[in-house]
């Protein structure tokens, strides 16, 4: 069983930055990809960014491209989401997720393709 624990959420003013971390642990952690999703009140969970564990290939939602950066540290089993130029519409609970099986690039945006999830961390951006 893989456990994912997010940290780094909080309250920030528009234009500010936050850095989210996700630490993975458990039996021989081995994932094809790690992703970040977010869910705002009254809205569906949406894809934010993903990174393949081995190659480090990255993928972003259009709404965050150029502002957010996803990276991973394979030695520490950690994935980081650096969020810059934050906007009020970025306010949501952010979830880290791990996918065990390989998949097509477009499938990385689908939450149903991920096997393990963290508990989420709140990000609030004030205007």
Foldseek 3Di string as FASTA:
>chain_A
DKAKAKDWADEEAAQAKIKMKIFIDDDPDAFQKKFKWWDDPPGDIWGAKMAGDPPRDIDGDPVQPPFWDWGADNVRRMIMIIGGRDDQVVWTWMKMFTAHDDDDPVCVGPPVRTDDIYPTDTHGYHD
